[in-house]
Amino acid sequence: MATILGLSGSLRRASFNAGLLRAAADLTPEGTRIEIGTIRDVPLYDGDMEEATGLPPPVQALQAQLAAADALLLVTPEYNNGVPGVFKNAIDWMSRGDGLALFTAKPVAVIGASPGGFGTILAQSHWLPVLRTLKMHPWLEGRLMVSRAGGLFDDSGNLTDEKTRAALRDFMAGFARSL
């Protein structure tokens, strides 16, 4: 069975992107599963902290999840037309130590949801140089940018829109086939 590590780049409890990730886990085709990781407890990167105490336990846990996964799914919000700082910070920490090797040649897909009208098109594009630097293999066959998310999720952040669920199901089927 193929395993995809799924990470949401939002810390908000009822986040559209955390909800999109949960929906992706529910809609992933048979023979593939998503293990949902969390960036919530990853501290801000501090080289002095790394030198003094090594990688923090939340980073070590994410690295272990990435090592065990066949692929990575980044579910990204878009903040000020770019990648959220907390999300980039978590990926930066994960690449420390022997972490870069965990990313190398690993398939990755990027999706996202936003209350705005353009979805997360700029954040998704902003991830590409990072993924290239990490030597990952971006899956570019499909695209999913959920715009006007406020009307597609319930108050708990669960994806309720059937059209979007169908598009997500198709996206995940395509990504799973590529693994």
C-alpha atoms as a PDB file:
ATOM      1  CA  MET A   1       0.000   0.000   0.000  1.00  0.00           C
ATOM      2  CA  ALA A   2       1.350   3.430  -0.948  1.00  0.00           C
ATOM      3  CA  THR A   3       1.528   5.964   1.867  1.00  0.00           C
ATOM      4  CA  ILE A   4       1.355   9.717   1.357  1.00  0.00           C
ATOM      5  CA  LEU A   5       2.388  12.063   4.150  1.00  0.00           C
ATOM      6  CA  GLY A   6      -0.122  14.911   4.147  1.00  0.00           C
ATOM      7  CA  LEU A   7       0.699  18.245   5.754  1.00  0.00           C
ATOM      8  CA  SER A   8      -1.555  21.265   6.142  1.00  0.00           C
ATOM      9  CA  GLY A   9       0.152  24.638   6.277  1.00  0.00           C
ATOM     10  CA  SER A  10      -2.412  26.215   8.582  1.00  0.00           C
ATOM     11  CA  LEU A  11      -2.513  26.127  12.376  1.00  0.00           C
ATOM     12  CA  ARG A  12      -6.145  27.264  12.656  1.00  0.00           C
ATOM     13  CA  ARG A  13      -8.494  24.657  14.185  1.00  0.00           C
ATOM     14  CA  ALA A  14     -11.228  25.020  11.563  1.00  0.00           C
ATOM     15  CA  SER A  15      -8.750  25.625   8.742  1.00  0.00           C
ATOM     16  CA  PHE A  16     -10.013  25.144   5.198  1.00  0.00           C
ATOM     17  CA  ASN A  17      -6.686  23.514   4.346  1.00  0.00           C
ATOM     18  CA  ALA A  18      -6.739  21.087   7.266  1.00  0.00           C
ATOM     19  CA  GLY A  19     -10.299  20.231   6.188  1.00  0.00           C
ATOM     20  CA  LEU A  20      -9.148  19.770   2.594  1.00  0.00           C
ATOM     21  CA  LEU A  21      -6.413  17.420   3.841  1.00  0.00           C
ATOM     22  CA  ARG A  22      -8.909  15.387   5.898  1.00  0.00           C
ATOM     23  CA  ALA A  23     -11.173  15.155   2.854  1.00  0.00           C
ATOM     24  CA  ALA A  24      -8.217  14.043   0.716  1.00  0.00           C
ATOM     25  CA  ALA A  25      -7.515  11.278   3.248  1.00  0.00           C
ATOM     26  CA  ASP A  26     -11.154  10.158   2.995  1.00  0.00           C
ATOM     27  CA  LEU A  27     -11.183  10.304  -0.815  1.00  0.00           C
ATOM     28  CA  THR A  28      -7.818   8.687  -1.540  1.00  0.00           C
ATOM     29  CA  PRO A  29      -8.305   5.570  -3.675  1.00  0.00           C
ATOM     30  CA  GLU A  30      -8.023   2.035  -2.407  1.00  0.00           C
ATOM     31  CA  GLY A  31      -4.419   0.882  -2.166  1.00  0.00           C
ATOM     32  CA  THR A  32      -3.231   4.325  -1.056  1.00  0.00           C
ATOM     33  CA  ARG A  33      -3.503   6.025   2.303  1.00  0.00           C
ATOM     34  CA  ILE A  34      -2.696   9.458   3.661  1.00  0.00           C
ATOM     35  CA  GLU A  35      -0.966   9.757   6.991  1.00  0.00           C
ATOM     36  CA  ILE A  36      -1.737  13.228   8.333  1.00  0.00           C
ATOM     37  CA  GLY A  37       1.212  14.905  10.006  1.00  0.00           C
ATOM     38  CA  THR A  38       1.212  18.166  11.935  1.00  0.00           C
ATOM     39  CA  ILE A  39       3.426  21.223  11.897  1.00  0.00           C
ATOM     40  CA  ARG A  40       1.717  22.706  14.984  1.00  0.00           C
ATOM     41  CA  ASP A  41       4.575  22.157  17.468  1.00  0.00           C
ATOM     42  CA  VAL A  42       7.513  22.917  15.163  1.00  0.00           C
ATOM     43  CA  PRO A  43       9.425  25.876  16.647  1.00  0.00           C
ATOM     44  CA  LEU A  44      10.809  28.731  14.588  1.00  0.00           C
ATOM     45  CA  TYR A  45      14.082  27.670  13.031  1.00  0.00           C
ATOM     46  CA  ASP A  46      17.046  28.636  15.180  1.00  0.00           C
ATOM     47  CA  GLY A  47      20.497  27.428  14.187  1.00  0.00           C
ATOM     48  CA  ASP A  48      21.767  27.972  17.726  1.00  0.00           C
ATOM     49  CA  MET A  49      19.000  25.718  19.078  1.00  0.00           C
ATOM     50  CA  GLU A  50      19.824  23.087  16.475  1.00  0.00           C
ATOM     51  CA  GLU A  51      23.517  23.205  17.385  1.00  0.00           C
ATOM     52  CA  ALA A  52      22.831  23.049  21.128  1.00  0.00           C
ATOM     53  CA  THR A  53      20.108  20.394  21.255  1.00  0.00           C
ATOM     54  CA  GLY A  54      19.760  18.920  17.778  1.00  0.00           C
ATOM     55  CA  LEU A  55      16.470  18.592  15.955  1.00  0.00           C
ATOM     56  CA  PRO A  56      13.365  19.203  18.081  1.00  0.00           C
ATOM     57  CA  PRO A  57      11.149  16.144  18.686  1.00  0.00           C
ATOM     58  CA  PRO A  58       8.285  17.462  16.463  1.00  0.00           C
ATOM     59  CA  VAL A  59      10.762  17.789  13.580  1.00  0.00           C
ATOM     60  CA  GLN A  60      12.141  14.306  14.216  1.00  0.00           C
ATOM     61  CA  ALA A  61       8.571  12.954  14.132  1.00  0.00           C
ATOM     62  CA  LEU A  62       7.888  14.655  10.795  1.00  0.00           C
ATOM     63  CA  GLN A  63      11.159  13.345   9.381  1.00  0.00           C
ATOM     64  CA  ALA A  64      10.223   9.805  10.460  1.00  0.00           C
ATOM     65  CA  GLN A  65       6.809  10.172   8.810  1.00  0.00           C
ATOM     66  CA  LEU A  66       8.419  11.462   5.615  1.00  0.00           C
ATOM     67  CA  ALA A  67      10.956   8.613   5.632  1.00  0.00           C
ATOM     68  CA  ALA A  68       8.114   6.077   5.871  1.00  0.00           C
ATOM     69  CA  ALA A  69       6.045   7.753   3.135  1.00  0.00           C
ATOM     70  CA  ASP A  70       6.145   7.118  -0.587  1.00  0.00           C
ATOM     71  CA  ALA A  71       5.052  10.684  -1.390  1.00  0.00           C
ATOM     72  CA  LEU A  72       4.212  14.051   0.129  1.00  0.00           C
ATOM     73  CA  LEU A  73       1.033  16.130  -0.188  1.00  0.00           C
ATOM     74  CA  LEU A  74       1.332  19.792   0.765  1.00  0.00           C
ATOM     75  CA  VAL A  75      -2.017  21.466   1.452  1.00  0.00           C
ATOM     76  CA  THR A  76      -1.160  25.117   1.438  1.00  0.00           C
ATOM     77  CA  PRO A  77      -2.969  28.284   2.380  1.00  0.00           C
ATOM     78  CA  GLU A  78      -1.897  31.465   0.627  1.00  0.00           C
ATOM     79  CA  TYR A  79      -0.825  34.353   2.835  1.00  0.00           C
ATOM     80  CA  ASN A  80      -0.006  37.696   1.200  1.00  0.00           C
ATOM     81  CA  ASN A  81       0.345  36.031  -2.207  1.00  0.00           C
ATOM     82  CA  GLY A  82       2.843  33.426  -1.036  1.00  0.00           C
ATOM     83  CA  VAL A  83       3.735  30.432   1.086  1.00  0.00           C
ATOM     84  CA  PRO A  84       2.744  30.647   4.772  1.00  0.00           C
ATOM     85  CA  GLY A  85       5.772  31.254   6.978  1.00  0.00           C
ATOM     86  CA  VAL A  86       4.893  28.499   9.457  1.00  0.00           C
ATOM     87  CA  PHE A  87       4.649  25.965   6.638  1.00  0.00           C
ATOM     88  CA  LYS A  88       7.944  26.954   5.025  1.00  0.00           C
ATOM     89  CA  ASN A  89       9.568  26.948   8.481  1.00  0.00           C
ATOM     90  CA  ALA A  90       8.445  23.346   9.082  1.00  0.00           C
ATOM     91  CA  ILE A  91       9.812  22.197   5.723  1.00  0.00           C
ATOM     92  CA  ASP A  92      13.074  24.054   6.395  1.00  0.00           C
ATOM     93  CA  TRP A  93      13.448  22.271   9.751  1.00  0.00           C
ATOM     94  CA  MET A  94      12.599  18.928   8.142  1.00  0.00           C
ATOM     95  CA  SER A  95      15.427  19.393   5.628  1.00  0.00           C
ATOM     96  CA  ARG A  96      18.038  19.827   8.388  1.00  0.00           C
ATOM     97  CA  GLY A  97      20.451  17.131   9.526  1.00  0.00           C
ATOM     98  CA  ASP A  98      20.006  14.170   7.194  1.00  0.00           C
ATOM     99  CA  GLY A  99      16.575  15.473   6.233  1.00  0.00           C
ATOM    100  CA  LEU A 100      17.420  16.614   2.713  1.00  0.00           C
ATOM    101  CA  ALA A 101      17.877  12.989   1.658  1.00  0.00           C
ATOM    102  CA  LEU A 102      14.300  12.263   2.798  1.00  0.00           C
ATOM    103  CA  PHE A 103      12.932  14.724   0.235  1.00  0.00           C
ATOM    104  CA  THR A 104      15.228  13.771  -2.659  1.00  0.00           C
ATOM    105  CA  ALA A 105      13.341  12.138  -5.570  1.00  0.00           C
ATOM    106  CA  LYS A 106      10.129  11.868  -3.516  1.00  0.00           C
ATOM    107  CA  PRO A 107       6.904  12.606  -5.434  1.00  0.00           C
ATOM    108  CA  VAL A 108       5.039  15.654  -4.158  1.00  0.00           C
ATOM    109  CA  ALA A 109       1.730  17.311  -4.963  1.00  0.00           C
ATOM    110  CA  VAL A 110       0.468  20.710  -3.837  1.00  0.00           C
ATOM    111  CA  ILE A 111      -3.157  21.734  -3.365  1.00  0.00           C
ATOM    112  CA  GLY A 112      -4.843  24.445  -1.334  1.00  0.00           C
ATOM    113  CA  ALA A 113      -7.974  26.326  -0.359  1.00  0.00           C
ATOM    114  CA  SER A 114      -8.546  30.035   0.104  1.00  0.00           C
ATOM    115  CA  PRO A 115     -11.493  32.315   0.793  1.00  0.00           C
ATOM    116  CA  GLY A 116     -10.320  34.501  -2.107  1.00  0.00           C
ATOM    117  CA  GLY A 117     -11.295  34.209  -5.732  1.00  0.00           C
ATOM    118  CA  PHE A 118      -7.958  32.935  -7.043  1.00  0.00           C
ATOM    119  CA  GLY A 119      -7.562  29.939  -4.755  1.00  0.00           C
ATOM    120  CA  THR A 120      -3.947  29.343  -3.849  1.00  0.00           C
ATOM    121  CA  ILE A 121      -2.425  29.783  -7.300  1.00  0.00           C
ATOM    122  CA  LEU A 122       0.411  32.029  -6.128  1.00  0.00           C
ATOM    123  CA  ALA A 123       1.288  29.946  -3.067  1.00  0.00           C
ATOM    124  CA  GLN A 124       1.345  26.782  -5.184  1.00  0.00           C
ATOM    125  CA  SER A 125       3.686  28.460  -7.663  1.00  0.00           C
ATOM    126  CA  HIS A 126       5.774  29.809  -4.790  1.00  0.00           C
ATOM    127  CA  TRP A 127       6.411  26.236  -3.597  1.00  0.00           C
ATOM    128  CA  LEU A 128       8.029  25.174  -6.891  1.00  0.00           C
ATOM    129  CA  PRO A 129      11.531  26.649  -6.269  1.00  0.00           C
ATOM    130  CA  VAL A 130      11.508  25.121  -2.774  1.00  0.00           C
ATOM    131  CA  LEU A 131      10.559  21.692  -4.133  1.00  0.00           C
ATOM    132  CA  ARG A 132      13.232  21.996  -6.816  1.00  0.00           C
ATOM    133  CA  THR A 133      15.858  22.845  -4.178  1.00  0.00           C
ATOM    134  CA  LEU A 134      14.748  19.819  -2.147  1.00  0.00           C
ATOM    135  CA  LYS A 135      15.196  17.711  -5.327  1.00  0.00           C
ATOM    136  CA  MET A 136      11.607  16.471  -5.142  1.00  0.00           C
ATOM    137  CA  HIS A 137       9.518  15.268  -8.073  1.00  0.00           C
ATOM    138  CA  PRO A 138       6.448  17.532  -8.296  1.00  0.00           C
ATOM    139  CA  TRP A 139       3.353  15.892  -9.775  1.00  0.00           C
ATOM    140  CA  LEU A 140       2.124  18.459 -12.269  1.00  0.00           C
ATOM    141  CA  GLU A 141      -0.526  16.431 -14.095  1.00  0.00           C
ATOM    142  CA  GLY A 142      -3.359  17.763 -11.978  1.00  0.00           C
ATOM    143  CA  ARG A 143      -4.200  21.027 -10.308  1.00  0.00           C
ATOM    144  CA  LEU A 144      -6.533  21.808  -7.451  1.00  0.00           C
ATOM    145  CA  MET A 145      -7.030  25.330  -6.171  1.00  0.00           C
ATOM    146  CA  VAL A 146     -10.154  25.706  -4.079  1.00  0.00           C
ATOM    147  CA  SER A 147     -11.375  29.299  -4.231  1.00  0.00           C
ATOM    148  CA  ARG A 148     -14.208  30.940  -2.271  1.00  0.00           C
ATOM    149  CA  ALA A 149     -13.707  28.253   0.367  1.00  0.00           C
ATOM    150  CA  GLY A 150     -15.940  29.972   2.907  1.00  0.00           C
ATOM    151  CA  GLY A 151     -19.007  28.555   1.168  1.00  0.00           C
ATOM    152  CA  LEU A 152     -17.567  25.066   0.663  1.00  0.00           C
ATOM    153  CA  PHE A 153     -16.717  24.072   4.238  1.00  0.00           C
ATOM    154  CA  ASP A 154     -18.837  23.857   7.384  1.00  0.00           C
ATOM    155  CA  ASP A 155     -18.076  25.718  10.628  1.00  0.00           C
ATOM    156  CA  SER A 156     -15.748  22.916  11.743  1.00  0.00           C
ATOM    157  CA  GLY A 157     -13.667  23.140   8.563  1.00  0.00           C
ATOM    158  CA  ASN A 158     -15.090  20.022   6.885  1.00  0.00           C
ATOM    159  CA  LEU A 159     -15.405  20.051   3.112  1.00  0.00           C
ATOM    160  CA  THR A 160     -19.113  19.773   2.302  1.00  0.00           C
ATOM    161  CA  ASP A 161     -19.242  20.839  -1.355  1.00  0.00           C
ATOM    162  CA  GLU A 162     -19.818  17.780  -3.575  1.00  0.00           C
ATOM    163  CA  LYS A 163     -18.339  19.349  -6.721  1.00  0.00           C
ATOM    164  CA  THR A 164     -15.111  20.126  -4.870  1.00  0.00           C
ATOM    165  CA  ARG A 165     -15.083  16.663  -3.282  1.00  0.00           C
ATOM    166  CA  ALA A 166     -15.378  15.116  -6.768  1.00  0.00           C
ATOM    167  CA  ALA A 167     -12.490  17.258  -8.059  1.00  0.00           C
ATOM    168  CA  LEU A 168     -10.408  16.279  -5.024  1.00  0.00           C
ATOM    169  CA  ARG A 169     -11.236  12.587  -5.541  1.00  0.00           C
ATOM    170  CA  ASP A 170     -10.054  12.853  -9.164  1.00  0.00           C
ATOM    171  CA  PHE A 171      -6.898  14.721  -8.141  1.00  0.00           C
ATOM    172  CA  MET A 172      -6.001  12.139  -5.509  1.00  0.00           C
ATOM    173  CA  ALA A 173      -6.701   9.261  -7.924  1.00  0.00           C
ATOM    174  CA  GLY A 174      -4.327  10.812 -10.451  1.00  0.00           C
ATOM    175  CA  PHE A 175      -1.608  11.424  -7.868  1.00  0.00           C
ATOM    176  CA  ALA A 176      -1.999   7.888  -6.492  1.00  0.00           C
ATOM    177  CA  ARG A 177      -1.692   6.408 -10.000  1.00  0.00           C
ATOM    178  CA  SER A 178       1.586   8.262 -10.464  1.00  0.00           C
ATOM    179  CA  LEU A 179       3.213   6.613  -7.430  1.00  0.00           C
END
